[in-house]
Amino acid sequence: MHLLQRKTGKLGAGLGKTTGWVHRTTLARRGVRFVRGVTYERIDDAGLHVTVQGEPRVIEVDDVVVCAGQESRRDLLDELRAAGVSVHVVGGADVAAELDAKRAIDQGTRLAATL
């Protein structure tokens, strides 16, 4: 099993300081290979094609799980505002960054308290 990351920094750096190391250690003990600084190229019958530090690699895989971040989706925002609907934007629609449920919950809670 491989855990690949586009960033070159420590895997799981955004995890809690008191728990992140536990998750990394557990995965490592179970034989998970960690690879940082990966550029994803394609998936085909040969496997998952990536580039790591400028070097192309093919990882033979049976399954691939992609967790590639998020994008803000504000398709209806202008339309709703133009229709006179009161609209509030929170969470990933507000700032598409690393998945940050804590920030989204905080924004939603603060907004709810003002309504």
PDB file of N, CA and C in Angstrom:
ATOM      1  N   MET A   1       0.852  -1.155   0.000  1.00  0.00           N
ATOM      2  CA  MET A   1       0.000   0.000   0.000  1.00  0.00           C
ATOM      3  C   MET A   1       0.904   1.226   0.000  1.00  0.00           C
ATOM      4  N   HIS A   2       0.478   2.245  -0.735  1.00  0.00           N
ATOM      5  CA  HIS A   2       1.227   3.494  -0.841  1.00  0.00           C
ATOM      6  C   HIS A   2       0.334   4.654  -0.417  1.00  0.00           C
ATOM      7  N   LEU A   3       0.916   5.628   0.256  1.00  0.00           N
ATOM      8  CA  LEU A   3       0.236   6.874   0.567  1.00  0.00           C
ATOM      9  C   LEU A   3       1.061   7.958  -0.124  1.00  0.00           C
ATOM     10  N   LEU A   4       0.478   8.566  -1.146  1.00  0.00           N
ATOM     11  CA  LEU A   4       1.183   9.555  -1.955  1.00  0.00           C
ATOM     12  C   LEU A   4       0.655  10.945  -1.650  1.00  0.00           C
ATOM     13  N   GLN A   5       1.535  11.926  -1.752  1.00  0.00           N
ATOM     14  CA  GLN A   5       1.146  13.306  -1.456  1.00  0.00           C
ATOM     15  C   GLN A   5       1.840  14.237  -2.440  1.00  0.00           C
ATOM     16  N   ARG A   6       1.094  15.220  -2.943  1.00  0.00           N
ATOM     17  CA  ARG A   6       1.684  16.199  -3.864  1.00  0.00           C
ATOM     18  C   ARG A   6       2.679  17.100  -3.162  1.00  0.00           C
ATOM     19  N   LYS A   7       2.388  17.489  -1.952  1.00  0.00           N
ATOM     20  CA  LYS A   7       3.290  18.373  -1.207  1.00  0.00           C
ATOM     21  C   LYS A   7       4.584  17.643  -0.870  1.00  0.00           C
ATOM     22  N   THR A   8       5.649  18.423  -0.705  1.00  0.00           N
ATOM     23  CA  THR A   8       6.933  17.822  -0.352  1.00  0.00           C
ATOM     24  C   THR A   8       7.153  17.773   1.155  1.00  0.00           C
ATOM     25  N   GLY A   9       6.288  18.444   1.915  1.00  0.00           N
ATOM     26  CA  GLY A   9       6.425  18.460   3.377  1.00  0.00           C
ATOM     27  C   GLY A   9       6.002  17.146   4.000  1.00  0.00           C
ATOM     28  N   LYS A  10       6.072  17.101   5.309  1.00  0.00           N
ATOM     29  CA  LYS A  10       5.733  15.901   6.078  1.00  0.00           C
ATOM     30  C   LYS A  10       4.290  15.483   5.799  1.00  0.00           C
ATOM     31  N   LEU A  11       4.085  14.196   5.579  1.00  0.00           N
ATOM     32  CA  LEU A  11       2.739  13.690   5.344  1.00  0.00           C
ATOM     33  C   LEU A  11       1.888  13.882   6.584  1.00  0.00           C
ATOM     34  N   GLY A  12       0.667  14.318   6.382  1.00  0.00           N
ATOM     35  CA  GLY A  12      -0.237  14.519   7.496  1.00  0.00           C
ATOM     36  C   GLY A  12       0.146  15.676   8.394  1.00  0.00           C
ATOM     37  N   ALA A  13       0.888  16.640   7.852  1.00  0.00           N
ATOM     38  CA  ALA A  13       1.347  17.768   8.676  1.00  0.00           C
ATOM     39  C   ALA A  13       0.183  18.551   9.275  1.00  0.00           C
ATOM     40  N   GLY A  14      -0.967  18.505   8.630  1.00  0.00           N
ATOM     41  CA  GLY A  14      -2.125  19.237   9.122  1.00  0.00           C
ATOM     42  C   GLY A  14      -2.913  18.486  10.189  1.00  0.00           C
ATOM     43  N   LEU A  15      -2.510  17.261  10.485  1.00  0.00           N
ATOM     44  CA  LEU A  15      -3.201  16.493  11.531  1.00  0.00           C
ATOM     45  C   LEU A  15      -2.887  17.083  12.895  1.00  0.00           C
ATOM     46  N   GLY A  16      -3.666  16.746  13.875  1.00  0.00           N
ATOM     47  CA  GLY A  16      -3.439  17.242  15.227  1.00  0.00           C
ATOM     48  C   GLY A  16      -2.050  16.881  15.731  1.00  0.00           C
ATOM     49  N   LYS A  17      -1.431  17.810  16.457  1.00  0.00           N
ATOM     50  CA  LYS A  17      -0.070  17.593  16.959  1.00  0.00           C
ATOM     51  C   LYS A  17       0.004  16.411  17.919  1.00  0.00           C
ATOM     52  N   THR A  18      -1.071  16.153  18.631  1.00  0.00           N
ATOM     53  CA  THR A  18      -1.031  15.060  19.605  1.00  0.00           C
ATOM     54  C   THR A  18      -1.465  13.728  19.022  1.00  0.00           C
ATOM     55  N   THR A  19      -2.024  13.735  17.795  1.00  0.00           N
ATOM     56  CA  THR A  19      -2.504  12.482  17.216  1.00  0.00           C
ATOM     57  C   THR A  19      -1.872  12.145  15.876  1.00  0.00           C
ATOM     58  N   GLY A  20      -1.358  13.115  15.161  1.00  0.00           N
ATOM     59  CA  GLY A  20      -0.816  12.875  13.825  1.00  0.00           C
ATOM     60  C   GLY A  20       0.274  11.826  13.808  1.00  0.00           C
ATOM     61  N   TRP A  21       1.179  11.909  14.771  1.00  0.00           N
ATOM     62  CA  TRP A  21       2.292  10.953  14.819  1.00  0.00           C
ATOM     63  C   TRP A  21       1.795   9.531  15.034  1.00  0.00           C
ATOM     64  N   VAL A  22       0.689   9.384  15.781  1.00  0.00           N
ATOM     65  CA  VAL A  22       0.135   8.054  16.039  1.00  0.00           C
ATOM     66  C   VAL A  22      -0.359   7.441  14.730  1.00  0.00           C
ATOM     67  N   HIS A  23      -1.061   8.241  13.929  1.00  0.00           N
ATOM     68  CA  HIS A  23      -1.585   7.739  12.653  1.00  0.00           C
ATOM     69  C   HIS A  23      -0.444   7.359  11.708  1.00  0.00           C
ATOM     70  N   ARG A  24       0.573   8.223  11.602  1.00  0.00           N
ATOM     71  CA  ARG A  24       1.717   7.918  10.728  1.00  0.00           C
ATOM     72  C   ARG A  24       2.444   6.655  11.190  1.00  0.00           C
ATOM     73  N   THR A  25       2.644   6.525  12.493  1.00  0.00           N
ATOM     74  CA  THR A  25       3.337   5.354  13.037  1.00  0.00           C
ATOM     75  C   THR A  25       2.540   4.082  12.773  1.00  0.00           C
ATOM     76  N   THR A  26       1.247   4.124  12.981  1.00  0.00           N
ATOM     77  CA  THR A  26       0.388   2.958  12.742  1.00  0.00           C
ATOM     78  C   THR A  26       0.461   2.530  11.284  1.00  0.00           C
ATOM     79  N   LEU A  27       0.371   3.489  10.380  1.00  0.00           N
ATOM     80  CA  LEU A  27       0.444   3.158   8.954  1.00  0.00           C
ATOM     81  C   LEU A  27       1.806   2.569   8.595  1.00  0.00           C
ATOM     82  N   ALA A  28       2.868   3.179   9.093  1.00  0.00           N
ATOM     83  CA  ALA A  28       4.223   2.697   8.801  1.00  0.00           C
ATOM     84  C   ALA A  28       4.412   1.265   9.315  1.00  0.00           C
ATOM     85  N   ARG A  29       3.910   0.973  10.507  1.00  0.00           N
ATOM     86  CA  ARG A  29       4.023  -0.380  11.079  1.00  0.00           C
ATOM     87  C   ARG A  29       3.271  -1.411  10.242  1.00  0.00           C
ATOM     88  N   ARG A  30       2.253  -0.944   9.544  1.00  0.00           N
ATOM     89  CA  ARG A  30       1.470  -1.854   8.706  1.00  0.00           C
ATOM     90  C   ARG A  30       2.007  -1.927   7.278  1.00  0.00           C
ATOM     91  N   GLY A  31       3.190  -1.330   7.066  1.00  0.00           N
ATOM     92  CA  GLY A  31       3.855  -1.469   5.780  1.00  0.00           C
ATOM     93  C   GLY A  31       3.466  -0.465   4.714  1.00  0.00           C
ATOM     94  N   VAL A  32       2.752   0.587   5.088  1.00  0.00           N
ATOM     95  CA  VAL A  32       2.380   1.612   4.108  1.00  0.00           C
ATOM     96  C   VAL A  32       3.631   2.384   3.712  1.00  0.00           C
ATOM     97  N   ARG A  33       3.826   2.548   2.411  1.00  0.00           N
ATOM     98  CA  ARG A  33       4.962   3.324   1.898  1.00  0.00           C
ATOM     99  C   ARG A  33       4.510   4.749   1.670  1.00  0.00           C
ATOM    100  N   PHE A  34       5.246   5.697   2.228  1.00  0.00           N
ATOM    101  CA  PHE A  34       4.927   7.117   2.107  1.00  0.00           C
ATOM    102  C   PHE A  34       5.790   7.733   1.012  1.00  0.00           C
ATOM    103  N   VAL A  35       5.174   8.477   0.099  1.00  0.00           N
ATOM    104  CA  VAL A  35       5.919   9.152  -0.966  1.00  0.00           C
ATOM    105  C   VAL A  35       5.406  10.590  -1.056  1.00  0.00           C
ATOM    106  N   ARG A  36       6.340  11.537  -0.931  1.00  0.00           N
ATOM    107  CA  ARG A  36       5.993  12.961  -0.987  1.00  0.00           C
ATOM    108  C   ARG A  36       6.469  13.564  -2.306  1.00  0.00           C
ATOM    109  N   GLY A  37       5.918  14.713  -2.652  1.00  0.00           N
ATOM    110  CA  GLY A  37       6.348  15.432  -3.846  1.00  0.00           C
ATOM    111  C   GLY A  37       5.978  14.720  -5.131  1.00  0.00           C
ATOM    112  N   VAL A  38       4.787  14.131  -5.154  1.00  0.00           N
ATOM    113  CA  VAL A  38       4.340  13.329  -6.290  1.00  0.00           C
ATOM    114  C   VAL A  38       3.539  14.186  -7.269  1.00  0.00           C
ATOM    115  N   THR A  39       3.807  13.992  -8.543  1.00  0.00           N
ATOM    116  CA  THR A  39       2.959  14.547  -9.602  1.00  0.00           C
ATOM    117  C   THR A  39       2.261  13.364 -10.245  1.00  0.00           C
ATOM    118  N   TYR A  40       0.928  13.406 -10.289  1.00  0.00           N
ATOM    119  CA  TYR A  40       0.155  12.301 -10.843  1.00  0.00           C
ATOM    120  C   TYR A  40       0.051  12.488 -12.353  1.00  0.00           C
ATOM    121  N   GLU A  41       0.346  11.445 -13.091  1.00  0.00           N
ATOM    122  CA  GLU A  41       0.330  11.524 -14.550  1.00  0.00           C
ATOM    123  C   GLU A  41      -0.907  10.849 -15.136  1.00  0.00           C
ATOM    124  N   ARG A  42      -1.083   9.558 -14.841  1.00  0.00           N
ATOM    125  CA  ARG A  42      -2.234   8.830 -15.383  1.00  0.00           C
ATOM    126  C   ARG A  42      -2.354   7.459 -14.713  1.00  0.00           C
ATOM    127  N   ILE A  43      -3.493   6.828 -14.957  1.00  0.00           N
ATOM    128  CA  ILE A  43      -3.730   5.461 -14.505  1.00  0.00           C
ATOM    129  C   ILE A  43      -4.086   4.653 -15.745  1.00  0.00           C
ATOM    130  N   ASP A  44      -3.431   3.521 -15.926  1.00  0.00           N
ATOM    131  CA  ASP A  44      -3.767   2.623 -17.027  1.00  0.00           C
ATOM    132  C   ASP A  44      -3.558   1.185 -16.574  1.00  0.00           C
ATOM    133  N   ASP A  45      -3.575   0.248 -17.501  1.00  0.00           N
ATOM    134  CA  ASP A  45      -3.441  -1.170 -17.139  1.00  0.00           C
ATOM    135  C   ASP A  45      -2.098  -1.496 -16.491  1.00  0.00           C
ATOM    136  N   ALA A  46      -1.084  -0.667 -16.733  1.00  0.00           N
ATOM    137  CA  ALA A  46       0.232  -0.901 -16.126  1.00  0.00           C
ATOM    138  C   ALA A  46       0.265  -0.462 -14.666  1.00  0.00           C
ATOM    139  N   GLY A  47      -0.596   0.480 -14.307  1.00  0.00           N
ATOM    140  CA  GLY A  47      -0.641   0.958 -12.929  1.00  0.00           C
ATOM    141  C   GLY A  47      -0.820   2.459 -12.845  1.00  0.00           C
ATOM    142  N   LEU A  48      -0.371   3.018 -11.748  1.00  0.00           N
ATOM    143  CA  LEU A  48      -0.453   4.454 -11.496  1.00  0.00           C
ATOM    144  C   LEU A  48       0.872   5.084 -11.909  1.00  0.00           C
ATOM    145  N   HIS A  49       0.816   5.966 -12.882  1.00  0.00           N
ATOM    146  CA  HIS A  49       2.012   6.632 -13.392  1.00  0.00           C
ATOM    147  C   HIS A  49       2.173   7.959 -12.646  1.00  0.00           C
ATOM    148  N   VAL A  50       3.342   8.123 -12.019  1.00  0.00           N
ATOM    149  CA  VAL A  50       3.634   9.332 -11.258  1.00  0.00           C
ATOM    150  C   VAL A  50       5.042   9.806 -11.595  1.00  0.00           C
ATOM    151  N   THR A  51       5.334  11.023 -11.199  1.00  0.00           N
ATOM    152  CA  THR A  51       6.691  11.548 -11.265  1.00  0.00           C
ATOM    153  C   THR A  51       7.070  11.982  -9.861  1.00  0.00           C
ATOM    154  N   VAL A  52       8.234  11.538  -9.388  1.00  0.00           N
ATOM    155  CA  VAL A  52       8.727  11.894  -8.063  1.00  0.00           C
ATOM    156  C   VAL A  52      10.138  12.438  -8.235  1.00  0.00           C
ATOM    157  N   GLN A  53      10.322  13.686  -7.839  1.00  0.00           N
ATOM    158  CA  GLN A  53      11.622  14.360  -7.969  1.00  0.00           C
ATOM    159  C   GLN A  53      12.152  14.260  -9.398  1.00  0.00           C
ATOM    160  N   GLY A  54      11.267  14.501 -10.368  1.00  0.00           N
ATOM    161  CA  GLY A  54      11.655  14.496 -11.768  1.00  0.00           C
ATOM    162  C   GLY A  54      11.827  13.123 -12.385  1.00  0.00           C
ATOM    163  N   GLU A  55      11.606  12.078 -11.613  1.00  0.00           N
ATOM    164  CA  GLU A  55      11.804  10.713 -12.094  1.00  0.00           C
ATOM    165  C   GLU A  55      10.456  10.011 -12.273  1.00  0.00           C
ATOM    166  N   PRO A  56      10.145   9.558 -13.499  1.00  0.00           N
ATOM    167  CA  PRO A  56       8.875   8.851 -13.703  1.00  0.00           C
ATOM    168  C   PRO A  56       8.891   7.477 -13.032  1.00  0.00           C
ATOM    169  N   ARG A  57       7.743   7.111 -12.469  1.00  0.00           N
ATOM    170  CA  ARG A  57       7.583   5.796 -11.834  1.00  0.00           C
ATOM    171  C   ARG A  57       6.218   5.237 -12.213  1.00  0.00           C
ATOM    172  N   VAL A  58       6.129   3.934 -12.207  1.00  0.00           N
ATOM    173  CA  VAL A  58       4.840   3.267 -12.361  1.00  0.00           C
ATOM    174  C   VAL A  58       4.658   2.380 -11.137  1.00  0.00           C
ATOM    175  N   ILE A  59       3.573   2.598 -10.427  1.00  0.00           N
ATOM    176  CA  ILE A  59       3.268   1.802  -9.234  1.00  0.00           C
ATOM    177  C   ILE A  59       2.157   0.829  -9.617  1.00  0.00           C
ATOM    178  N   GLU A  60       2.467  -0.465  -9.522  1.00  0.00           N
ATOM    179  CA  GLU A  60       1.459  -1.476  -9.830  1.00  0.00           C
ATOM    180  C   GLU A  60       0.387  -1.436  -8.750  1.00  0.00           C
ATOM    181  N   VAL A  61      -0.851  -1.264  -9.170  1.00  0.00           N
ATOM    182  CA  VAL A  61      -1.950  -1.124  -8.215  1.00  0.00           C
ATOM    183  C   VAL A  61      -3.167  -1.923  -8.673  1.00  0.00           C
ATOM    184  N   ASP A  62      -3.959  -2.326  -7.689  1.00  0.00           N
ATOM    185  CA  ASP A  62      -5.253  -2.928  -7.973  1.00  0.00           C
ATOM    186  C   ASP A  62      -6.354  -1.888  -7.837  1.00  0.00           C
ATOM    187  N   ASP A  63      -6.189  -0.992  -6.870  1.00  0.00           N
ATOM    188  CA  ASP A  63      -7.180   0.047  -6.596  1.00  0.00           C
ATOM    189  C   ASP A  63      -6.465   1.363  -6.347  1.00  0.00           C
ATOM    190  N   VAL A  64      -7.142   2.457  -6.686  1.00  0.00           N
ATOM    191  CA  VAL A  64      -6.613   3.791  -6.432  1.00  0.00           C
ATOM    192  C   VAL A  64      -7.723   4.600  -5.765  1.00  0.00           C
ATOM    193  N   VAL A  65      -7.388   5.230  -4.643  1.00  0.00           N
ATOM    194  CA  VAL A  65      -8.306   6.144  -3.973  1.00  0.00           C
ATOM    195  C   VAL A  65      -7.704   7.532  -4.119  1.00  0.00           C
ATOM    196  N   VAL A  66      -8.460   8.445  -4.730  1.00  0.00           N
ATOM    197  CA  VAL A  66      -7.956   9.790  -4.978  1.00  0.00           C
ATOM    198  C   VAL A  66      -8.611  10.758  -4.004  1.00  0.00           C
ATOM    199  N   CYS A  67      -7.777  11.471  -3.282  1.00  0.00           N
ATOM    200  CA  CYS A  67      -8.230  12.549  -2.412  1.00  0.00           C
ATOM    201  C   CYS A  67      -7.440  13.770  -2.857  1.00  0.00           C
ATOM    202  N   ALA A  68      -8.017  14.546  -3.753  1.00  0.00           N
ATOM    203  CA  ALA A  68      -7.250  15.586  -4.443  1.00  0.00           C
ATOM    204  C   ALA A  68      -7.653  17.001  -4.060  1.00  0.00           C
ATOM    205  N   GLY A  69      -8.196  17.185  -2.882  1.00  0.00           N
ATOM    206  CA  GLY A  69      -8.528  18.539  -2.465  1.00  0.00           C
ATOM    207  C   GLY A  69      -9.931  18.942  -2.871  1.00  0.00           C
ATOM    208  N   GLN A  70     -10.154  20.228  -2.875  1.00  0.00           N
ATOM    209  CA  GLN A  70     -11.483  20.728  -3.162  1.00  0.00           C
ATOM    210  C   GLN A  70     -11.404  22.007  -3.976  1.00  0.00           C
ATOM    211  N   GLU A  71     -12.510  22.338  -4.602  1.00  0.00           N
ATOM    212  CA  GLU A  71     -12.659  23.571  -5.364  1.00  0.00           C
ATOM    213  C   GLU A  71     -13.899  24.277  -4.866  1.00  0.00           C
ATOM    214  N   SER A  72     -13.823  25.605  -4.790  1.00  0.00           N
ATOM    215  CA  SER A  72     -15.025  26.371  -4.445  1.00  0.00           C
ATOM    216  C   SER A  72     -16.035  26.222  -5.570  1.00  0.00           C
ATOM    217  N   ARG A  73     -17.279  26.005  -5.210  1.00  0.00           N
ATOM    218  CA  ARG A  73     -18.363  25.972  -6.190  1.00  0.00           C
ATOM    219  C   ARG A  73     -19.352  27.040  -5.798  1.00  0.00           C
ATOM    220  N   ARG A  74     -19.396  28.086  -6.571  1.00  0.00           N
ATOM    221  CA  ARG A  74     -20.295  29.207  -6.299  1.00  0.00           C
ATOM    222  C   ARG A  74     -21.226  29.447  -7.476  1.00  0.00           C
ATOM    223  N   ASP A  75     -21.585  28.377  -8.153  1.00  0.00           N
ATOM    224  CA  ASP A  75     -22.391  28.476  -9.361  1.00  0.00           C
ATOM    225  C   ASP A  75     -23.673  29.285  -9.171  1.00  0.00           C
ATOM    226  N   LEU A  76     -24.323  29.114  -8.049  1.00  0.00           N
ATOM    227  CA  LEU A  76     -25.618  29.769  -7.830  1.00  0.00           C
ATOM    228  C   LEU A  76     -25.527  31.097  -7.088  1.00  0.00           C
ATOM    229  N   LEU A  77     -24.359  31.453  -6.596  1.00  0.00           N
ATOM    230  CA  LEU A  77     -24.226  32.610  -5.717  1.00  0.00           C
ATOM    231  C   LEU A  77     -24.743  33.897  -6.348  1.00  0.00           C
ATOM    232  N   ASP A  78     -24.219  34.270  -7.505  1.00  0.00           N
ATOM    233  CA  ASP A  78     -24.640  35.516  -8.158  1.00  0.00           C
ATOM    234  C   ASP A  78     -26.112  35.479  -8.547  1.00  0.00           C
ATOM    235  N   GLU A  79     -26.549  34.330  -9.031  1.00  0.00           N
ATOM    236  CA  GLU A  79     -27.942  34.182  -9.431  1.00  0.00           C
ATOM    237  C   GLU A  79     -28.890  34.370  -8.242  1.00  0.00           C
ATOM    238  N   LEU A  80     -28.539  33.783  -7.101  1.00  0.00           N
ATOM    239  CA  LEU A  80     -29.370  33.928  -5.911  1.00  0.00           C
ATOM    240  C   LEU A  80     -29.364  35.366  -5.404  1.00  0.00           C
ATOM    241  N   ARG A  81     -28.180  35.981  -5.383  1.00  0.00           N
ATOM    242  CA  ARG A  81     -28.098  37.384  -4.952  1.00  0.00           C
ATOM    243  C   ARG A  81     -28.908  38.290  -5.881  1.00  0.00           C
ATOM    244  N   ALA A  82     -28.820  38.043  -7.189  1.00  0.00           N
ATOM    245  CA  ALA A  82     -29.578  38.844  -8.159  1.00  0.00           C
ATOM    246  C   ALA A  82     -31.081  38.688  -7.945  1.00  0.00           C
ATOM    247  N   ALA A  83     -31.495  37.530  -7.441  1.00  0.00           N
ATOM    248  CA  ALA A  83     -32.912  37.269  -7.173  1.00  0.00           C
ATOM    249  C   ALA A  83     -33.337  37.815  -5.819  1.00  0.00           C
ATOM    250  N   GLY A  84     -32.388  38.462  -5.103  1.00  0.00           N
ATOM    251  CA  GLY A  84     -32.717  39.061  -3.820  1.00  0.00           C
ATOM    252  C   GLY A  84     -32.666  38.100  -2.647  1.00  0.00           C
ATOM    253  N   VAL A  85     -32.099  36.937  -2.846  1.00  0.00           N
ATOM    254  CA  VAL A  85     -31.999  35.954  -1.774  1.00  0.00           C
ATOM    255  C   VAL A  85     -30.785  36.291  -0.909  1.00  0.00           C
ATOM    256  N   SER A  86     -30.969  36.254   0.400  1.00  0.00           N
ATOM    257  CA  SER A  86     -29.860  36.475   1.327  1.00  0.00           C
ATOM    258  C   SER A  86     -28.997  35.216   1.341  1.00  0.00           C
ATOM    259  N   VAL A  87     -27.731  35.377   0.966  1.00  0.00           N
ATOM    260  CA  VAL A  87     -26.841  34.234   0.810  1.00  0.00           C
ATOM    261  C   VAL A  87     -25.600  34.419   1.671  1.00  0.00           C
ATOM    262  N   HIS A  88     -25.166  33.354   2.303  1.00  0.00           N
ATOM    263  CA  HIS A  88     -23.937  33.358   3.095  1.00  0.00           C
ATOM    264  C   HIS A  88     -23.049  32.224   2.591  1.00  0.00           C
ATOM    265  N   VAL A  89     -21.774  32.488   2.468  1.00  0.00           N
ATOM    266  CA  VAL A  89     -20.835  31.492   1.948  1.00  0.00           C
ATOM    267  C   VAL A  89     -19.881  31.085   3.071  1.00  0.00           C
ATOM    268  N   VAL A  90     -19.819  29.783   3.350  1.00  0.00           N
ATOM    269  CA  VAL A  90     -18.948  29.271   4.409  1.00  0.00           C
ATOM    270  C   VAL A  90     -18.215  28.033   3.916  1.00  0.00           C
ATOM    271  N   GLY A  91     -17.267  27.584   4.698  1.00  0.00           N
ATOM    272  CA  GLY A  91     -16.560  26.335   4.422  1.00  0.00           C
ATOM    273  C   GLY A  91     -15.748  26.385   3.153  1.00  0.00           C
ATOM    274  N   GLY A  92     -15.732  25.271   2.429  1.00  0.00           N
ATOM    275  CA  GLY A  92     -14.956  25.159   1.206  1.00  0.00           C
ATOM    276  C   GLY A  92     -15.419  26.089   0.113  1.00  0.00           C
ATOM    277  N   ALA A  93     -16.694  26.501   0.130  1.00  0.00           N
ATOM    278  CA  ALA A  93     -17.172  27.471  -0.857  1.00  0.00           C
ATOM    279  C   ALA A  93     -16.577  28.850  -0.581  1.00  0.00           C
ATOM    280  N   ASP A  94     -16.269  29.122   0.680  1.00  0.00           N
ATOM    281  CA  ASP A  94     -15.656  30.397   1.057  1.00  0.00           C
ATOM    282  C   ASP A  94     -14.172  30.386   0.721  1.00  0.00           C
ATOM    283  N   VAL A  95     -13.466  29.390   1.212  1.00  0.00           N
ATOM    284  CA  VAL A  95     -12.024  29.250   0.965  1.00  0.00           C
ATOM    285  C   VAL A  95     -11.746  27.788   0.649  1.00  0.00           C
ATOM    286  N   ALA A  96     -11.405  27.524  -0.600  1.00  0.00           N
ATOM    287  CA  ALA A  96     -11.068  26.148  -0.992  1.00  0.00           C
ATOM    288  C   ALA A  96      -9.600  25.932  -0.687  1.00  0.00           C
ATOM    289  N   ALA A  97      -9.344  25.383   0.466  1.00  0.00           N
ATOM    290  CA  ALA A  97      -7.982  25.096   0.893  1.00  0.00           C
ATOM    291  C   ALA A  97      -7.978  23.643   1.326  1.00  0.00           C
ATOM    292  N   GLU A  98      -7.072  23.298   2.160  1.00  0.00           N
ATOM    293  CA  GLU A  98      -7.080  21.939   2.675  1.00  0.00           C
ATOM    294  C   GLU A  98      -8.437  21.702   3.328  1.00  0.00           C
ATOM    295  N   LEU A  99      -8.882  20.492   3.264  1.00  0.00           N
ATOM    296  CA  LEU A  99     -10.164  20.168   3.869  1.00  0.00           C
ATOM    297  C   LEU A  99     -10.089  20.519   5.340  1.00  0.00           C
ATOM    298  N   ASP A 100     -10.890  21.481   5.759  1.00  0.00           N
ATOM    299  CA  ASP A 100     -10.811  21.981   7.120  1.00  0.00           C
ATOM    300  C   ASP A 100     -12.208  22.055   7.711  1.00  0.00           C
ATOM    301  N   ALA A 101     -12.691  20.917   8.189  1.00  0.00           N
ATOM    302  CA  ALA A 101     -14.033  20.849   8.752  1.00  0.00           C
ATOM    303  C   ALA A 101     -14.160  21.754   9.966  1.00  0.00           C
ATOM    304  N   LYS A 102     -13.103  21.875  10.750  1.00  0.00           N
ATOM    305  CA  LYS A 102     -13.150  22.719  11.948  1.00  0.00           C
ATOM    306  C   LYS A 102     -13.470  24.168  11.567  1.00  0.00           C
ATOM    307  N   ARG A 103     -12.816  24.670  10.511  1.00  0.00           N
ATOM    308  CA  ARG A 103     -13.069  26.041  10.052  1.00  0.00           C
ATOM    309  C   ARG A 103     -14.495  26.183   9.546  1.00  0.00           C
ATOM    310  N   ALA A 104     -14.967  25.213   8.765  1.00  0.00           N
ATOM    311  CA  ALA A 104     -16.318  25.275   8.216  1.00  0.00           C
ATOM    312  C   ALA A 104     -17.368  25.248   9.322  1.00  0.00           C
ATOM    313  N   ILE A 105     -17.164  24.401  10.322  1.00  0.00           N
ATOM    314  CA  ILE A 105     -18.109  24.316  11.440  1.00  0.00           C
ATOM    315  C   ILE A 105     -18.100  25.620  12.224  1.00  0.00           C
ATOM    316  N   ASP A 106     -16.911  26.183  12.441  1.00  0.00           N
ATOM    317  CA  ASP A 106     -16.802  27.450  13.151  1.00  0.00           C
ATOM    318  C   ASP A 106     -17.532  28.555  12.390  1.00  0.00           C
ATOM    319  N   GLN A 107     -17.312  28.644  11.089  1.00  0.00           N
ATOM    320  CA  GLN A 107     -17.970  29.677  10.280  1.00  0.00           C
ATOM    321  C   GLN A 107     -19.494  29.504  10.334  1.00  0.00           C
ATOM    322  N   GLY A 108     -19.956  28.279  10.168  1.00  0.00           N
ATOM    323  CA  GLY A 108     -21.392  28.015  10.190  1.00  0.00           C
ATOM    324  C   GLY A 108     -22.022  28.337  11.543  1.00  0.00           C
ATOM    325  N   THR A 109     -21.316  28.004  12.628  1.00  0.00           N
ATOM    326  CA  THR A 109     -21.816  28.275  13.975  1.00  0.00           C
ATOM    327  C   THR A 109     -21.891  29.767  14.246  1.00  0.00           C
ATOM    328  N   ARG A 110     -20.822  30.490  13.875  1.00  0.00           N
ATOM    329  CA  ARG A 110     -20.814  31.946  14.078  1.00  0.00           C
ATOM    330  C   ARG A 110     -21.900  32.622  13.255  1.00  0.00           C
ATOM    331  N   LEU A 111     -22.074  32.172  12.025  1.00  0.00           N
ATOM    332  CA  LEU A 111     -23.127  32.736  11.185  1.00  0.00           C
ATOM    333  C   LEU A 111     -24.493  32.473  11.794  1.00  0.00           C
ATOM    334  N   ALA A 112     -24.735  31.244  12.222  1.00  0.00           N
ATOM    335  CA  ALA A 112     -26.031  30.888  12.821  1.00  0.00           C
ATOM    336  C   ALA A 112     -26.339  31.745  14.034  1.00  0.00           C
ATOM    337  N   ALA A 113     -25.310  32.072  14.816  1.00  0.00           N
ATOM    338  CA  ALA A 113     -25.520  32.888  16.017  1.00  0.00           C
ATOM    339  C   ALA A 113     -25.926  34.311  15.672  1.00  0.00           C
ATOM    340  N   THR A 114     -25.557  34.769  14.472  1.00  0.00           N
ATOM    341  CA  THR A 114     -25.910  36.143  14.095  1.00  0.00           C
ATOM    342  C   THR A 114     -27.257  36.241  13.408  1.00  0.00           C
ATOM    343  N   LEU A 115     -27.801  35.123  12.959  1.00  0.00           N
ATOM    344  CA  LEU A 115     -29.083  35.149  12.208  1.00  0.00           C
ATOM    345  C   LEU A 115     -30.274  35.210  13.112  1.00  0.00           C
TER     346      LEU A 115
END
